[in-house]
Amino acid sequence: MRSLLLLGCLAIGLAACDDTGASLQITGTRAHRAVDKRVVVEVDLLASESLGGNIGTYCTRVTFAGQAAPAEQCSADLEDGDTKTVRLVSESDRIFDGAPITVRVRHGNVDVGSTLAAPR
């Protein structure tokens, strides 16, 4: 009987670890050209975690039209209330003005994003 109780408590504890109440919001996005004509995208993030701790791993991805592979950065450096600006840069300086840029932020099974146009 004790072993069943222990297994039940362990299962509840593991289920609680999967749902920590953590979330991540995109609060702003911007794009500009660097001196070398590559496109720089800045993504502003706001972290929330119901227990006040670390939100876990998240990934920020920017897809530039005409670039084979997206730029991506993953981290686990945010805690409840933290803000951060992630900067990702295109590999090419040949992304034309107005080309679509897709921004995605993935945290757990939530994937949110927005689109921008490449600047002049």
PDB file of N, CA and C in Angstrom:
ATOM      1  N   MET A   1       0.817  -1.188   0.000  1.00  0.00           N
ATOM      2  CA  MET A   1       0.000   0.000   0.000  1.00  0.00           C
ATOM      3  C   MET A   1       0.867   1.261   0.000  1.00  0.00           C
ATOM      4  N   ARG A   2       1.928   1.252   0.796  1.00  0.00           N
ATOM      5  CA  ARG A   2       2.814   2.413   0.836  1.00  0.00           C
ATOM      6  C   ARG A   2       3.459   2.669  -0.518  1.00  0.00           C
ATOM      7  N   SER A   3       3.823   1.579  -1.213  1.00  0.00           N
ATOM      8  CA  SER A   3       4.467   1.754  -2.511  1.00  0.00           C
ATOM      9  C   SER A   3       3.496   2.360  -3.524  1.00  0.00           C
ATOM     10  N   LEU A   4       2.219   1.990  -3.453  1.00  0.00           N
ATOM     11  CA  LEU A   4       1.226   2.593  -4.343  1.00  0.00           C
ATOM     12  C   LEU A   4       1.069   4.083  -4.048  1.00  0.00           C
ATOM     13  N   LEU A   5       1.048   4.441  -2.774  1.00  0.00           N
ATOM     14  CA  LEU A   5       0.938   5.837  -2.377  1.00  0.00           C
ATOM     15  C   LEU A   5       2.156   6.623  -2.858  1.00  0.00           C
ATOM     16  N   LEU A   6       3.338   6.039  -2.704  1.00  0.00           N
ATOM     17  CA  LEU A   6       4.561   6.681  -3.152  1.00  0.00           C
ATOM     18  C   LEU A   6       4.556   6.877  -4.669  1.00  0.00           C
ATOM     19  N   LEU A   7       4.138   5.861  -5.426  1.00  0.00           N
ATOM     20  CA  LEU A   7       4.058   5.971  -6.883  1.00  0.00           C
ATOM     21  C   LEU A   7       3.048   7.033  -7.297  1.00  0.00           C
ATOM     22  N   GLY A   8       1.915   7.103  -6.597  1.00  0.00           N
ATOM     23  CA  GLY A   8       0.906   8.123  -6.898  1.00  0.00           C
ATOM     24  C   GLY A   8       1.449   9.521  -6.666  1.00  0.00           C
ATOM     25  N   CYS A   9       2.157   9.731  -5.558  1.00  0.00           N
ATOM     26  CA  CYS A   9       2.751  11.043  -5.265  1.00  0.00           C
ATOM     27  C   CYS A   9       3.816  11.406  -6.281  1.00  0.00           C
ATOM     28  N   LEU A  10       4.599  10.427  -6.688  1.00  0.00           N
ATOM     29  CA  LEU A  10       5.637  10.670  -7.685  1.00  0.00           C
ATOM     30  C   LEU A  10       5.005  11.073  -9.016  1.00  0.00           C
ATOM     31  N   ALA A  11       3.941  10.402  -9.419  1.00  0.00           N
ATOM     32  CA  ALA A  11       3.262  10.725 -10.676  1.00  0.00           C
ATOM     33  C   ALA A  11       2.683  12.133 -10.630  1.00  0.00           C
ATOM     34  N   ILE A  12       2.087  12.515  -9.511  1.00  0.00           N
ATOM     35  CA  ILE A  12       1.548  13.873  -9.368  1.00  0.00           C
ATOM     36  C   ILE A  12       2.674  14.891  -9.428  1.00  0.00           C
ATOM     37  N   GLY A  13       3.776  14.611  -8.770  1.00  0.00           N
ATOM     38  CA  GLY A  13       4.921  15.522  -8.783  1.00  0.00           C
ATOM     39  C   GLY A  13       5.491  15.704 -10.173  1.00  0.00           C
ATOM     40  N   LEU A  14       5.607  14.633 -10.951  1.00  0.00           N
ATOM     41  CA  LEU A  14       6.122  14.738 -12.314  1.00  0.00           C
ATOM     42  C   LEU A  14       5.164  15.505 -13.202  1.00  0.00           C
ATOM     43  N   ALA A  15       3.865  15.299 -13.027  1.00  0.00           N
ATOM     44  CA  ALA A  15       2.891  16.041 -13.829  1.00  0.00           C
ATOM     45  C   ALA A  15       2.975  17.529 -13.508  1.00  0.00           C
ATOM     46  N   ALA A  16       3.208  17.872 -12.261  1.00  0.00           N
ATOM     47  CA  ALA A  16       3.326  19.278 -11.883  1.00  0.00           C
ATOM     48  C   ALA A  16       4.549  19.910 -12.525  1.00  0.00           C
ATOM     49  N   CYS A  17       5.627  19.153 -12.714  1.00  0.00           N
ATOM     50  CA  CYS A  17       6.835  19.693 -13.342  1.00  0.00           C
ATOM     51  C   CYS A  17       6.604  20.036 -14.804  1.00  0.00           C
ATOM     52  N   ASP A  18       5.681  19.314 -15.474  1.00  0.00           N
ATOM     53  CA  ASP A  18       5.406  19.581 -16.879  1.00  0.00           C
ATOM     54  C   ASP A  18       4.630  20.874 -17.091  1.00  0.00           C
ATOM     55  N   ASP A  19       3.873  21.340 -16.095  1.00  0.00           N
ATOM     56  CA  ASP A  19       3.055  22.535 -16.238  1.00  0.00           C
ATOM     57  C   ASP A  19       3.444  23.528 -15.159  1.00  0.00           C
ATOM     58  N   THR A  20       4.454  24.324 -15.429  1.00  0.00           N
ATOM     59  CA  THR A  20       4.945  25.262 -14.427  1.00  0.00           C
ATOM     60  C   THR A  20       4.294  26.630 -14.514  1.00  0.00           C
ATOM     61  N   GLY A  21       3.412  26.838 -15.482  1.00  0.00           N
ATOM     62  CA  GLY A  21       2.795  28.139 -15.640  1.00  0.00           C
ATOM     63  C   GLY A  21       3.725  29.143 -16.298  1.00  0.00           C
ATOM     64  N   ALA A  22       4.691  28.669 -17.048  1.00  0.00           N
ATOM     65  CA  ALA A  22       5.650  29.544 -17.704  1.00  0.00           C
ATOM     66  C   ALA A  22       5.126  29.972 -19.077  1.00  0.00           C
ATOM     67  N   SER A  23       5.417  31.217 -19.445  1.00  0.00           N
ATOM     68  CA  SER A  23       5.038  31.705 -20.770  1.00  0.00           C
ATOM     69  C   SER A  23       6.033  32.758 -21.236  1.00  0.00           C
ATOM     70  N   LEU A  24       5.976  33.043 -22.512  1.00  0.00           N
ATOM     71  CA  LEU A  24       6.870  34.007 -23.127  1.00  0.00           C
ATOM     72  C   LEU A  24       6.078  34.800 -24.151  1.00  0.00           C
ATOM     73  N   GLN A  25       6.190  36.126 -24.099  1.00  0.00           N
ATOM     74  CA  GLN A  25       5.469  37.003 -25.015  1.00  0.00           C
ATOM     75  C   GLN A  25       6.442  37.775 -25.891  1.00  0.00           C
ATOM     76  N   ILE A  26       6.033  38.016 -27.130  1.00  0.00           N
ATOM     77  CA  ILE A  26       6.746  38.959 -27.990  1.00  0.00           C
ATOM     78  C   ILE A  26       6.097  40.314 -27.739  1.00  0.00           C
ATOM     79  N   THR A  27       6.876  41.278 -27.270  1.00  0.00           N
ATOM     80  CA  THR A  27       6.322  42.605 -26.992  1.00  0.00           C
ATOM     81  C   THR A  27       6.669  43.617 -28.080  1.00  0.00           C
ATOM     82  N   GLY A  28       7.564  43.252 -28.982  1.00  0.00           N
ATOM     83  CA  GLY A  28       7.907  44.146 -30.077  1.00  0.00           C
ATOM     84  C   GLY A  28       8.885  43.509 -31.039  1.00  0.00           C
ATOM     85  N   THR A  29       8.851  43.956 -32.286  1.00  0.00           N
ATOM     86  CA  THR A  29       9.811  43.507 -33.299  1.00  0.00           C
ATOM     87  C   THR A  29      10.203  44.706 -34.157  1.00  0.00           C
ATOM     88  N   ARG A  30      11.455  44.724 -34.575  1.00  0.00           N
ATOM     89  CA  ARG A  30      11.981  45.790 -35.423  1.00  0.00           C
ATOM     90  C   ARG A  30      13.005  45.209 -36.380  1.00  0.00           C
ATOM     91  N   ALA A  31      13.145  45.871 -37.532  1.00  0.00           N
ATOM     92  CA  ALA A  31      14.181  45.473 -38.499  1.00  0.00           C
ATOM     93  C   ALA A  31      14.880  46.726 -39.002  1.00  0.00           C
ATOM     94  N   HIS A  32      16.191  46.618 -39.170  1.00  0.00           N
ATOM     95  CA  HIS A  32      16.977  47.711 -39.756  1.00  0.00           C
ATOM     96  C   HIS A  32      18.167  47.114 -40.503  1.00  0.00           C
ATOM     97  N   ARG A  33      18.794  47.943 -41.306  1.00  0.00           N
ATOM     98  CA  ARG A  33      19.982  47.518 -42.056  1.00  0.00           C
ATOM     99  C   ARG A  33      21.226  47.892 -41.263  1.00  0.00           C
ATOM    100  N   ALA A  34      22.158  46.971 -41.191  1.00  0.00           N
ATOM    101  CA  ALA A  34      23.457  47.245 -40.577  1.00  0.00           C
ATOM    102  C   ALA A  34      24.317  47.988 -41.606  1.00  0.00           C
ATOM    103  N   VAL A  35      25.453  48.472 -41.176  1.00  0.00           N
ATOM    104  CA  VAL A  35      26.378  49.175 -42.060  1.00  0.00           C
ATOM    105  C   VAL A  35      26.781  48.301 -43.247  1.00  0.00           C
ATOM    106  N   ASP A  36      26.893  46.988 -43.012  1.00  0.00           N
ATOM    107  CA  ASP A  36      27.287  46.070 -44.088  1.00  0.00           C
ATOM    108  C   ASP A  36      26.110  45.617 -44.962  1.00  0.00           C
ATOM    109  N   LYS A  37      24.933  46.266 -44.785  1.00  0.00           N
ATOM    110  CA  LYS A  37      23.714  46.040 -45.580  1.00  0.00           C
ATOM    111  C   LYS A  37      22.955  44.762 -45.229  1.00  0.00           C
ATOM    112  N   ARG A  38      23.445  44.001 -44.238  1.00  0.00           N
ATOM    113  CA  ARG A  38      22.658  42.851 -43.788  1.00  0.00           C
ATOM    114  C   ARG A  38      21.485  43.353 -42.955  1.00  0.00           C
ATOM    115  N   VAL A  39      20.426  42.542 -42.878  1.00  0.00           N
ATOM    116  CA  VAL A  39      19.231  42.924 -42.130  1.00  0.00           C
ATOM    117  C   VAL A  39      19.356  42.418 -40.689  1.00  0.00           C
ATOM    118  N   VAL A  40      19.103  43.310 -39.739  1.00  0.00           N
ATOM    119  CA  VAL A  40      19.123  42.986 -38.313  1.00  0.00           C
ATOM    120  C   VAL A  40      17.681  43.030 -37.815  1.00  0.00           C
ATOM    121  N   VAL A  41      17.252  41.949 -37.178  1.00  0.00           N
ATOM    122  CA  VAL A  41      15.917  41.898 -36.589  1.00  0.00           C
ATOM    123  C   VAL A  41      16.074  41.820 -35.075  1.00  0.00           C
ATOM    124  N   GLU A  42      15.355  42.685 -34.372  1.00  0.00           N
ATOM    125  CA  GLU A  42      15.349  42.693 -32.911  1.00  0.00           C
ATOM    126  C   GLU A  42      13.969  42.253 -32.442  1.00  0.00           C
ATOM    127  N   VAL A  43      13.939  41.292 -31.530  1.00  0.00           N
ATOM    128  CA  VAL A  43      12.698  40.736 -31.001  1.00  0.00           C
ATOM    129  C   VAL A  43      12.704  40.960 -29.486  1.00  0.00           C
ATOM    130  N   ASP A  44      11.737  41.738 -28.996  1.00  0.00           N
ATOM    131  CA  ASP A  44      11.619  42.006 -27.560  1.00  0.00           C
ATOM    132  C   ASP A  44      10.739  40.941 -26.919  1.00  0.00           C
ATOM    133  N   LEU A  45      11.230  40.362 -25.819  1.00  0.00           N
ATOM    134  CA  LEU A  45      10.533  39.274 -25.136  1.00  0.00           C
ATOM    135  C   LEU A  45      10.241  39.645 -23.682  1.00  0.00           C
ATOM    136  N   LEU A  46       9.148  39.093 -23.149  1.00  0.00           N
ATOM    137  CA  LEU A  46       8.785  39.234 -21.743  1.00  0.00           C
ATOM    138  C   LEU A  46       8.444  37.852 -21.207  1.00  0.00           C
ATOM    139  N   ALA A  47       9.142  37.432 -20.146  1.00  0.00           N
ATOM    140  CA  ALA A  47       8.946  36.105 -19.554  1.00  0.00           C
ATOM    141  C   ALA A  47       8.009  36.176 -18.355  1.00  0.00           C
ATOM    142  N   SER A  48       7.211  35.131 -18.168  1.00  0.00           N
ATOM    143  CA  SER A  48       6.348  34.988 -16.991  1.00  0.00           C
ATOM    144  C   SER A  48       6.441  33.548 -16.505  1.00  0.00           C
ATOM    145  N   GLU A  49       6.503  33.389 -15.201  1.00  0.00           N
ATOM    146  CA  GLU A  49       6.545  32.042 -14.601  1.00  0.00           C
ATOM    147  C   GLU A  49       5.833  32.134 -13.265  1.00  0.00           C
ATOM    148  N   SER A  50       4.774  31.350 -13.074  1.00  0.00           N
ATOM    149  CA  SER A  50       3.894  31.489 -11.912  1.00  0.00           C
ATOM    150  C   SER A  50       4.593  31.273 -10.576  1.00  0.00           C
ATOM    151  N   LEU A  51       5.693  30.536 -10.555  1.00  0.00           N
ATOM    152  CA  LEU A  51       6.415  30.300  -9.301  1.00  0.00           C
ATOM    153  C   LEU A  51       7.590  31.256  -9.126  1.00  0.00           C
ATOM    154  N   GLY A  52       7.780  32.183 -10.091  1.00  0.00           N
ATOM    155  CA  GLY A  52       8.851  33.161  -9.988  1.00  0.00           C
ATOM    156  C   GLY A  52      10.208  32.672 -10.433  1.00  0.00           C
ATOM    157  N   GLY A  53      10.267  31.506 -11.066  1.00  0.00           N
ATOM    158  CA  GLY A  53      11.556  30.923 -11.461  1.00  0.00           C
ATOM    159  C   GLY A  53      11.842  31.051 -12.943  1.00  0.00           C
ATOM    160  N   ASN A  54      12.769  30.221 -13.397  1.00  0.00           N
ATOM    161  CA  ASN A  54      13.200  30.183 -14.786  1.00  0.00           C
ATOM    162  C   ASN A  54      12.096  29.597 -15.653  1.00  0.00           C
ATOM    163  N   ILE A  55      11.897  30.143 -16.856  1.00  0.00           N
ATOM    164  CA  ILE A  55      10.830  29.655 -17.734  1.00  0.00           C
ATOM    165  C   ILE A  55      11.248  28.447 -18.562  1.00  0.00           C
ATOM    166  N   GLY A  56      12.524  28.130 -18.589  1.00  0.00           N
ATOM    167  CA  GLY A  56      13.005  26.995 -19.373  1.00  0.00           C
ATOM    168  C   GLY A  56      13.520  27.426 -20.738  1.00  0.00           C
ATOM    169  N   THR A  57      13.701  26.467 -21.606  1.00  0.00           N
ATOM    170  CA  THR A  57      14.292  26.723 -22.919  1.00  0.00           C
ATOM    171  C   THR A  57      13.266  27.318 -23.872  1.00  0.00           C
ATOM    172  N   TYR A  58      13.714  28.314 -24.626  1.00  0.00           N
ATOM    173  CA  TYR A  58      12.899  28.928 -25.675  1.00  0.00           C
ATOM    174  C   TYR A  58      13.819  29.176 -26.874  1.00  0.00           C
ATOM    175  N   CYS A  59      13.227  29.260 -28.060  1.00  0.00           N
ATOM    176  CA  CYS A  59      13.999  29.507 -29.268  1.00  0.00           C
ATOM    177  C   CYS A  59      13.363  30.636 -30.068  1.00  0.00           C
ATOM    178  N   THR A  60      14.214  31.522 -30.568  1.00  0.00           N
ATOM    179  CA  THR A  60      13.787  32.620 -31.420  1.00  0.00           C
ATOM    180  C   THR A  60      14.345  32.350 -32.810  1.00  0.00           C
ATOM    181  N   ARG A  61      13.471  32.402 -33.830  1.00  0.00           N
ATOM    182  CA  ARG A  61      13.871  32.089 -35.199  1.00  0.00           C
ATOM    183  C   ARG A  61      13.388  33.189 -36.135  1.00  0.00           C
ATOM    184  N   VAL A  62      14.278  33.615 -37.020  1.00  0.00           N
ATOM    185  CA  VAL A  62      13.922  34.609 -38.031  1.00  0.00           C
ATOM    186  C   VAL A  62      14.227  34.015 -39.401  1.00  0.00           C
ATOM    187  N   THR A  63      13.213  34.023 -40.266  1.00  0.00           N
ATOM    188  CA  THR A  63      13.368  33.527 -41.628  1.00  0.00           C
ATOM    189  C   THR A  63      13.354  34.720 -42.572  1.00  0.00           C
ATOM    190  N   PHE A  64      14.443  34.873 -43.297  1.00  0.00           N
ATOM    191  CA  PHE A  64      14.594  35.956 -44.263  1.00  0.00           C
ATOM    192  C   PHE A  64      14.302  35.418 -45.654  1.00  0.00           C
ATOM    193  N   ALA A  65      13.471  36.123 -46.435  1.00  0.00           N
ATOM    194  CA  ALA A  65      13.186  35.719 -47.811  1.00  0.00           C
ATOM    195  C   ALA A  65      14.492  35.708 -48.605  1.00  0.00           C
ATOM    196  N   GLY A  66      14.723  34.635 -49.334  1.00  0.00           N
ATOM    197  CA  GLY A  66      15.923  34.532 -50.144  1.00  0.00           C
ATOM    198  C   GLY A  66      17.129  33.956 -49.427  1.00  0.00           C
ATOM    199  N   GLN A  67      16.985  33.629 -48.153  1.00  0.00           N
ATOM    200  CA  GLN A  67      18.090  33.024 -47.389  1.00  0.00           C
ATOM    201  C   GLN A  67      17.747  31.564 -47.142  1.00  0.00           C
ATOM    202  N   ALA A  68      18.653  30.654 -47.443  1.00  0.00           N
ATOM    203  CA  ALA A  68      18.378  29.219 -47.369  1.00  0.00           C
ATOM    204  C   ALA A  68      17.974  28.748 -45.971  1.00  0.00           C
ATOM    205  N   ALA A  69      18.720  29.144 -44.965  1.00  0.00           N
ATOM    206  CA  ALA A  69      18.442  28.675 -43.599  1.00  0.00           C
ATOM    207  C   ALA A  69      18.059  29.857 -42.708  1.00  0.00           C
ATOM    208  N   PRO A  70      17.096  29.650 -41.817  1.00  0.00           N
ATOM    209  CA  PRO A  70      16.734  30.734 -40.902  1.00  0.00           C
ATOM    210  C   PRO A  70      17.838  30.968 -39.869  1.00  0.00           C
ATOM    211  N   ALA A  71      17.837  32.142 -39.290  1.00  0.00           N
ATOM    212  CA  ALA A  71      18.717  32.438 -38.161  1.00  0.00           C
ATOM    213  C   ALA A  71      17.961  32.043 -36.900  1.00  0.00           C
ATOM    214  N   GLU A  72      18.619  31.335 -35.987  1.00  0.00           N
ATOM    215  CA  GLU A  72      17.933  30.868 -34.779  1.00  0.00           C
ATOM    216  C   GLU A  72      18.863  30.940 -33.584  1.00  0.00           C
ATOM    217  N   GLN A  73      18.268  31.269 -32.444  1.00  0.00           N
ATOM    218  CA  GLN A  73      19.000  31.308 -31.180  1.00  0.00           C
ATOM    219  C   GLN A  73      18.106  30.708 -30.105  1.00  0.00           C
ATOM    220  N   CYS A  74      18.642  29.744 -29.344  1.00  0.00           N
ATOM    221  CA  CYS A  74      17.918  29.131 -28.238  1.00  0.00           C
ATOM    222  C   CYS A  74      18.638  29.439 -26.933  1.00  0.00           C
ATOM    223  N   SER A  75      17.858  29.649 -25.878  1.00  0.00           N
ATOM    224  CA  SER A  75      18.417  29.957 -24.556  1.00  0.00           C
ATOM    225  C   SER A  75      17.485  29.461 -23.465  1.00  0.00           C
ATOM    226  N   ALA A  76      17.983  29.497 -22.254  1.00  0.00           N
ATOM    227  CA  ALA A  76      17.182  29.191 -21.064  1.00  0.00           C
ATOM    228  C   ALA A  76      17.584  30.178 -19.969  1.00  0.00           C
ATOM    229  N   ASP A  77      17.626  31.461 -20.331  1.00  0.00           N
ATOM    230  CA  ASP A  77      18.193  32.471 -19.444  1.00  0.00           C
ATOM    231  C   ASP A  77      17.182  33.463 -18.869  1.00  0.00           C
ATOM    232  N   LEU A  78      15.876  33.185 -18.996  1.00  0.00           N
ATOM    233  CA  LEU A  78      14.870  34.130 -18.521  1.00  0.00           C
ATOM    234  C   LEU A  78      14.102  33.597 -17.326  1.00  0.00           C
ATOM    235  N   GLU A  79      13.840  34.492 -16.394  1.00  0.00           N
ATOM    236  CA  GLU A  79      13.014  34.182 -15.219  1.00  0.00           C
ATOM    237  C   GLU A  79      11.803  35.100 -15.214  1.00  0.00           C
ATOM    238  N   ASP A  80      10.885  34.854 -14.309  1.00  0.00           N
ATOM    239  CA  ASP A  80       9.651  35.616 -14.212  1.00  0.00           C
ATOM    240  C   ASP A  80       9.925  37.118 -14.189  1.00  0.00           C
ATOM    241  N   GLY A  81       9.294  37.845 -15.110  1.00  0.00           N
ATOM    242  CA  GLY A  81       9.434  39.292 -15.169  1.00  0.00           C
ATOM    243  C   GLY A  81      10.598  39.796 -15.991  1.00  0.00           C
ATOM    244  N   ASP A  82      11.495  38.905 -16.415  1.00  0.00           N
ATOM    245  CA  ASP A  82      12.648  39.321 -17.218  1.00  0.00           C
ATOM    246  C   ASP A  82      12.211  39.771 -18.608  1.00  0.00           C
ATOM    247  N   THR A  83      12.938  40.740 -19.139  1.00  0.00           N
ATOM    248  CA  THR A  83      12.781  41.148 -20.529  1.00  0.00           C
ATOM    249  C   THR A  83      14.117  40.956 -21.234  1.00  0.00           C
ATOM    250  N   LYS A  84      14.047  40.753 -22.531  1.00  0.00           N
ATOM    251  CA  LYS A  84      15.269  40.549 -23.301  1.00  0.00           C
ATOM    252  C   LYS A  84      15.004  40.940 -24.746  1.00  0.00           C
ATOM    253  N   THR A  85      16.010  41.472 -25.393  1.00  0.00           N
ATOM    254  CA  THR A  85      15.950  41.719 -26.830  1.00  0.00           C
ATOM    255  C   THR A  85      16.910  40.756 -27.509  1.00  0.00           C
ATOM    256  N   VAL A  86      16.357  39.919 -28.379  1.00  0.00           N
ATOM    257  CA  VAL A  86      17.149  38.961 -29.149  1.00  0.00           C
ATOM    258  C   VAL A  86      17.412  39.597 -30.512  1.00  0.00           C
ATOM    259  N   ARG A  87      18.668  39.618 -30.925  1.00  0.00           N
ATOM    260  CA  ARG A  87      19.059  40.187 -32.217  1.00  0.00           C
ATOM    261  C   ARG A  87      19.568  39.069 -33.131  1.00  0.00           C
ATOM    262  N   LEU A  88      18.942  38.955 -34.287  1.00  0.00           N
ATOM    263  CA  LEU A  88      19.358  37.971 -35.279  1.00  0.00           C
ATOM    264  C   LEU A  88      19.623  38.703 -36.590  1.00  0.00           C
ATOM    265  N   VAL A  89      20.676  38.288 -37.291  1.00  0.00           N
ATOM    266  CA  VAL A  89      21.156  38.990 -38.478  1.00  0.00           C
ATOM    267  C   VAL A  89      21.130  38.059 -39.681  1.00  0.00           C
ATOM    268  N   SER A  90      20.747  38.603 -40.818  1.00  0.00           N
ATOM    269  CA  SER A  90      20.741  37.812 -42.057  1.00  0.00           C
ATOM    270  C   SER A  90      22.171  37.466 -42.457  1.00  0.00           C
ATOM    271  N   GLU A  91      22.316  36.374 -43.175  1.00  0.00           N
ATOM    272  CA  GLU A  91      23.633  35.984 -43.683  1.00  0.00           C
ATOM    273  C   GLU A  91      24.006  36.799 -44.911  1.00  0.00           C
ATOM    274  N   SER A  92      23.001  37.255 -45.631  1.00  0.00           N
ATOM    275  CA  SER A  92      23.222  37.924 -46.905  1.00  0.00           C
ATOM    276  C   SER A  92      22.927  39.419 -46.807  1.00  0.00           C
ATOM    277  N   ASP A  93      23.598  40.177 -47.650  1.00  0.00           N
ATOM    278  CA  ASP A  93      23.296  41.605 -47.770  1.00  0.00           C
ATOM    279  C   ASP A  93      22.416  41.856 -48.995  1.00  0.00           C
ATOM    280  N   ARG A  94      21.893  40.784 -49.576  1.00  0.00           N
ATOM    281  CA  ARG A  94      21.095  40.877 -50.809  1.00  0.00           C
ATOM    282  C   ARG A  94      19.616  40.624 -50.578  1.00  0.00           C
ATOM    283  N   ILE A  95      19.132  40.911 -49.415  1.00  0.00           N
ATOM    284  CA  ILE A  95      17.700  40.787 -49.133  1.00  0.00           C
ATOM    285  C   ILE A  95      17.057  42.099 -49.575  1.00  0.00           C
ATOM    286  N   PHE A  96      16.138  42.002 -50.549  1.00  0.00           N
ATOM    287  CA  PHE A  96      15.599  43.219 -51.152  1.00  0.00           C
ATOM    288  C   PHE A  96      14.629  43.945 -50.219  1.00  0.00           C
ATOM    289  N   ASP A  97      14.515  45.252 -50.429  1.00  0.00           N
ATOM    290  CA  ASP A  97      13.613  46.099 -49.652  1.00  0.00           C
ATOM    291  C   ASP A  97      12.186  45.567 -49.743  1.00  0.00           C
ATOM    292  N   GLY A  98      11.536  45.444 -48.612  1.00  0.00           N
ATOM    293  CA  GLY A  98      10.157  44.976 -48.568  1.00  0.00           C
ATOM    294  C   GLY A  98       9.991  43.473 -48.551  1.00  0.00           C
ATOM    295  N   ALA A  99      11.084  42.718 -48.653  1.00  0.00           N
ATOM    296  CA  ALA A  99      10.991  41.250 -48.623  1.00  0.00           C
ATOM    297  C   ALA A  99      10.412  40.800 -47.282  1.00  0.00           C
ATOM    298  N   PRO A 100       9.591  39.754 -47.285  1.00  0.00           N
ATOM    299  CA  PRO A 100       8.994  39.298 -46.030  1.00  0.00           C
ATOM    300  C   PRO A 100      10.017  38.660 -45.086  1.00  0.00           C
ATOM    301  N   ILE A 101       9.853  38.972 -43.824  1.00  0.00           N
ATOM    302  CA  ILE A 101      10.668  38.396 -42.749  1.00  0.00           C
ATOM    303  C   ILE A 101       9.689  37.792 -41.747  1.00  0.00           C
ATOM    304  N   THR A 102       9.883  36.524 -41.408  1.00  0.00           N
ATOM    305  CA  THR A 102       9.014  35.848 -40.448  1.00  0.00           C
ATOM    306  C   THR A 102       9.756  35.663 -39.137  1.00  0.00           C
ATOM    307  N   VAL A 103       9.123  36.081 -38.040  1.00  0.00           N
ATOM    308  CA  VAL A 103       9.684  35.951 -36.693  1.00  0.00           C
ATOM    309  C   VAL A 103       8.854  34.926 -35.939  1.00  0.00           C
ATOM    310  N   ARG A 104       9.521  33.927 -35.335  1.00  0.00           N
ATOM    311  CA  ARG A 104       8.832  32.901 -34.540  1.00  0.00           C
ATOM    312  C   ARG A 104       9.558  32.750 -33.208  1.00  0.00           C
ATOM    313  N   VAL A 105       8.788  32.588 -32.147  1.00  0.00           N
ATOM    314  CA  VAL A 105       9.348  32.284 -30.833  1.00  0.00           C
ATOM    315  C   VAL A 105       8.642  31.035 -30.328  1.00  0.00           C
ATOM    316  N   ARG A 106       9.425  30.015 -29.996  1.00  0.00           N
ATOM    317  CA  ARG A 106       8.890  28.729 -29.534  1.00  0.00           C
ATOM    318  C   ARG A 106       9.299  28.520 -28.083  1.00  0.00           C
ATOM    319  N   HIS A 107       8.299  28.215 -27.255  1.00  0.00           N
ATOM    320  CA  HIS A 107       8.527  27.908 -25.839  1.00  0.00           C
ATOM    321  C   HIS A 107       7.641  26.718 -25.501  1.00  0.00           C
ATOM    322  N   GLY A 108       8.260  25.590 -25.244  1.00  0.00           N
ATOM    323  CA  GLY A 108       7.484  24.373 -25.023  1.00  0.00           C
ATOM    324  C   GLY A 108       6.721  24.031 -26.288  1.00  0.00           C
ATOM    325  N   ASN A 109       5.406  23.799 -26.168  1.00  0.00           N
ATOM    326  CA  ASN A 109       4.613  23.472 -27.348  1.00  0.00           C
ATOM    327  C   ASN A 109       3.878  24.688 -27.908  1.00  0.00           C
ATOM    328  N   VAL A 110       4.242  25.894 -27.439  1.00  0.00           N
ATOM    329  CA  VAL A 110       3.643  27.127 -27.934  1.00  0.00           C
ATOM    330  C   VAL A 110       4.615  27.793 -28.906  1.00  0.00           C
ATOM    331  N   ASP A 111       4.096  28.152 -30.079  1.00  0.00           N
ATOM    332  CA  ASP A 111       4.904  28.782 -31.122  1.00  0.00           C
ATOM    333  C   ASP A 111       4.134  30.013 -31.616  1.00  0.00           C
ATOM    334  N   VAL A 112       4.656  31.204 -31.349  1.00  0.00           N
ATOM    335  CA  VAL A 112       3.986  32.436 -31.762  1.00  0.00           C
ATOM    336  C   VAL A 112       4.914  33.229 -32.663  1.00  0.00           C
ATOM    337  N   GLY A 113       4.325  34.150 -33.417  1.00  0.00           N
ATOM    338  CA  GLY A 113       5.182  34.923 -34.293  1.00  0.00           C
ATOM    339  C   GLY A 113       4.507  36.108 -34.927  1.00  0.00           C
ATOM    340  N   SER A 114       5.273  36.738 -35.800  1.00  0.00           N
ATOM    341  CA  SER A 114       4.790  37.889 -36.550  1.00  0.00           C
ATOM    342  C   SER A 114       5.604  38.012 -37.826  1.00  0.00           C
ATOM    343  N   THR A 115       5.235  38.959 -38.666  1.00  0.00           N
ATOM    344  CA  THR A 115       5.981  39.192 -39.897  1.00  0.00           C
ATOM    345  C   THR A 115       6.385  40.655 -39.987  1.00  0.00           C
ATOM    346  N   LEU A 116       7.458  40.883 -40.680  1.00  0.00           N
ATOM    347  CA  LEU A 116       7.978  42.215 -40.937  1.00  0.00           C
ATOM    348  C   LEU A 116       8.355  42.312 -42.413  1.00  0.00           C
ATOM    349  N   ALA A 117       8.621  43.522 -42.850  1.00  0.00           N
ATOM    350  CA  ALA A 117       9.169  43.717 -44.196  1.00  0.00           C
ATOM    351  C   ALA A 117      10.606  44.177 -44.063  1.00  0.00           C
ATOM    352  N   ALA A 118      11.459  43.697 -44.933  1.00  0.00           N
ATOM    353  CA  ALA A 118      12.860  44.108 -44.900  1.00  0.00           C
ATOM    354  C   ALA A 118      12.954  45.612 -45.143  1.00  0.00           C
ATOM    355  N   PRO A 119      13.779  46.294 -44.371  1.00  0.00           N
ATOM    356  CA  PRO A 119      13.919  47.744 -44.520  1.00  0.00           C
ATOM    357  C   PRO A 119      14.787  48.110 -45.719  1.00  0.00           C
ATOM    358  N   ARG A 120      14.835  49.395 -46.008  1.00  0.00           N
ATOM    359  CA  ARG A 120      15.677  49.898 -47.094  1.00  0.00           C
ATOM    360  C   ARG A 120      17.127  49.821 -46.703  1.00  0.00           C
TER     361      ARG A 120
END
